[in-house]
Structures are given as structure tokens and as C-alpha cells.
Amino acid sequence: MKNPIVDHLWSKIAERGSLARAAAKDKLEQVQSLTTKITNKEGSEVARNVLADGKLEFAIKRCIEFHDGGSRLTDADLHIYYEYATQAAKHSQQIIDKELDYMEL
């Protein structure tokens, strides 16, 4: 991928503070942008298949909710959502590199 989802900023999501929230917001925007680009070029089914059927976006949103002080989310929740999002994002990157490399995402 031209701009990988999991990069030096990604690991900040699992930390505390404003940088963690900013990193999560940035990555959410990146995933949403990828969803739009893939949907426009290849269709929504391909976008769902590549980006974990919306679960990647959902997990990042839960990380943001934690950083916003979501009272029902704990540190364990943050790390569960973060770990899932990390694995899903890496898998998405592999698919993009292998099957959608012509799109230069």
C-alpha cells in the first residue's frame, strides 16, 4: 500500500491521551476513505470483503469512544478492539497489496 493503515502512528491508538485519540481519528478517516475509493472503483461487496465487512471501522470507533471517556469501556476493551483492528488492518493491507495494487491506495 502506498499509505499503509498500520504504520508508526497506529501504535499510539493503544496509549492514553490526546495523541491516542488523534491517531484513532486519523486512522478511522483513512479506513473510511479506503472504503469510499474501493466502493467507487470495485463496488461495495469488494470493499466489505477487503475491509472486514465494517468490523475494522467499528473497532476503531470503539477505540475513539474509549478515548472520549465512554463510561462503559475499560482498558481491556480498548486493547481488545485495538488488537482486533490491528489484525484486520494488516489483513486488509495484504489483500490490497495482492489484489488491488493497481489502485495505488
Protein backbone atom coordinates (compact mmCIF):
# COMPACT_ATOMS: atom_id res chain seq x y z
CA MET A 1 0.00 0.00 0.00
CA LYS A 2 1.13 3.49 -0.77
CA ASN A 3 -0.10 4.68 2.65
CA PRO A 4 -0.36 1.68 4.99
CA ILE A 5 -3.04 1.67 7.66
CA VAL A 6 -0.74 0.12 10.25
CA ASP A 7 2.22 2.48 10.46
CA HIS A 8 4.20 4.36 13.11
CA LEU A 9 1.09 6.30 14.19
CA TRP A 10 -1.08 3.21 14.56
CA SER A 11 0.51 2.01 17.82
CA LYS A 12 -0.43 5.31 19.50
CA ILE A 13 -4.09 4.24 19.45
CA ALA A 14 -3.46 1.84 22.35
CA GLU A 15 -1.93 4.55 24.51
CA ARG A 16 -3.63 7.25 26.57
CA GLY A 17 -4.04 10.94 25.91
CA SER A 18 -4.91 13.29 23.10
CA LEU A 19 -2.37 11.78 20.69
CA ALA A 20 -4.06 8.39 21.04
CA ARG A 21 -7.45 9.88 20.19
CA ALA A 22 -5.99 11.86 17.29
CA ALA A 23 -4.29 8.73 15.91
CA ALA A 24 -7.54 6.76 16.10
CA LYS A 25 -9.48 9.56 14.39
CA ASP A 26 -6.84 9.77 11.64
CA LYS A 27 -6.94 6.02 11.05
CA LEU A 28 -10.74 5.98 11.05
CA GLU A 29 -10.72 8.65 8.34
CA GLN A 30 -8.16 6.64 6.37
CA VAL A 31 -10.28 3.47 6.56
CA GLN A 32 -13.40 5.40 5.57
CA SER A 33 -11.53 6.93 2.63
CA LEU A 34 -10.33 3.49 1.53
CA THR A 35 -13.89 2.19 1.78
CA THR A 36 -15.12 5.00 -0.46
CA LYS A 37 -12.33 4.56 -3.02
CA ILE A 38 -12.73 0.79 -3.24
CA THR A 39 -16.53 1.06 -3.38
CA ASN A 40 -16.36 3.61 -6.20
CA LYS A 41 -13.90 1.53 -8.23
CA GLU A 42 -14.86 -2.08 -7.44
CA GLY A 43 -18.22 -1.97 -5.66
CA SER A 44 -19.42 -2.22 -2.10
CA GLU A 45 -19.09 -6.01 -1.87
CA VAL A 46 -15.37 -5.82 -2.63
CA ALA A 47 -14.97 -3.01 -0.09
CA ARG A 48 -16.74 -5.11 2.55
CA ASN A 49 -14.57 -8.12 1.77
CA VAL A 50 -11.33 -6.13 1.85
CA LEU A 51 -12.10 -4.08 4.96
CA ALA A 52 -13.55 -6.78 7.26
CA ASP A 53 -17.20 -6.06 6.48
CA GLY A 54 -17.20 -2.89 8.56
CA LYS A 55 -15.73 -4.52 11.66
CA LEU A 56 -12.39 -2.74 11.23
CA GLU A 57 -14.16 0.63 11.22
CA PHE A 58 -16.32 -0.45 14.18
CA ALA A 59 -13.26 -1.45 16.24
CA ILE A 60 -11.54 1.87 15.59
CA LYS A 61 -14.72 3.72 16.55
CA ARG A 62 -14.77 1.85 19.87
CA CYS A 63 -11.17 2.91 20.50
CA ILE A 64 -12.23 6.51 19.90
CA GLU A 65 -15.18 6.03 22.23
CA PHE A 66 -12.77 4.83 24.93
CA HIS A 67 -10.56 7.89 24.42
CA ASP A 68 -13.64 10.11 24.58
CA GLY A 69 -14.36 8.70 28.04
CA GLY A 70 -17.01 6.16 27.15
CA SER A 71 -18.02 5.09 30.63
CA ARG A 72 -18.84 1.52 29.71
CA LEU A 73 -15.45 0.81 28.08
CA THR A 74 -12.48 -0.39 30.10
CA ASP A 75 -8.75 -0.66 29.40
CA ALA A 76 -9.37 -4.29 28.46
CA ASP A 77 -11.99 -3.20 25.92
CA LEU A 78 -9.54 -0.73 24.37
CA HIS A 79 -6.91 -3.42 23.97
CA ILE A 80 -9.35 -5.99 22.61
CA TYR A 81 -10.66 -3.56 19.98
CA TYR A 82 -7.15 -2.32 19.21
CA GLU A 83 -5.77 -5.85 18.74
CA TYR A 84 -8.69 -6.83 16.52
CA ALA A 85 -8.33 -3.65 14.46
CA THR A 86 -4.59 -4.23 14.09
CA GLN A 87 -5.04 -7.75 12.74
CA ALA A 88 -7.92 -6.71 10.47
CA ALA A 89 -5.97 -3.72 9.12
CA LYS A 90 -2.91 -5.86 8.40
CA HIS A 91 -5.08 -8.39 6.61
CA SER A 92 -6.75 -5.61 4.60
CA GLN A 93 -3.34 -4.24 3.62
CA GLN A 94 -2.28 -7.68 2.37
CA ILE A 95 -5.40 -8.01 0.24
CA ILE A 96 -4.95 -4.51 -1.18
CA ASP A 97 -1.29 -5.17 -1.99
CA LYS A 98 -2.08 -8.52 -3.62
CA GLU A 99 -5.37 -7.88 -5.40
CA LEU A 100 -5.90 -4.11 -5.66
CA ASP A 101 -2.35 -2.90 -6.18
CA TYR A 102 -3.34 -1.23 -9.47
CA MET A 103 -5.47 1.26 -7.49
CA GLU A 104 -2.40 2.72 -5.74
CA LEU A 105 -4.18 3.15 -2.43
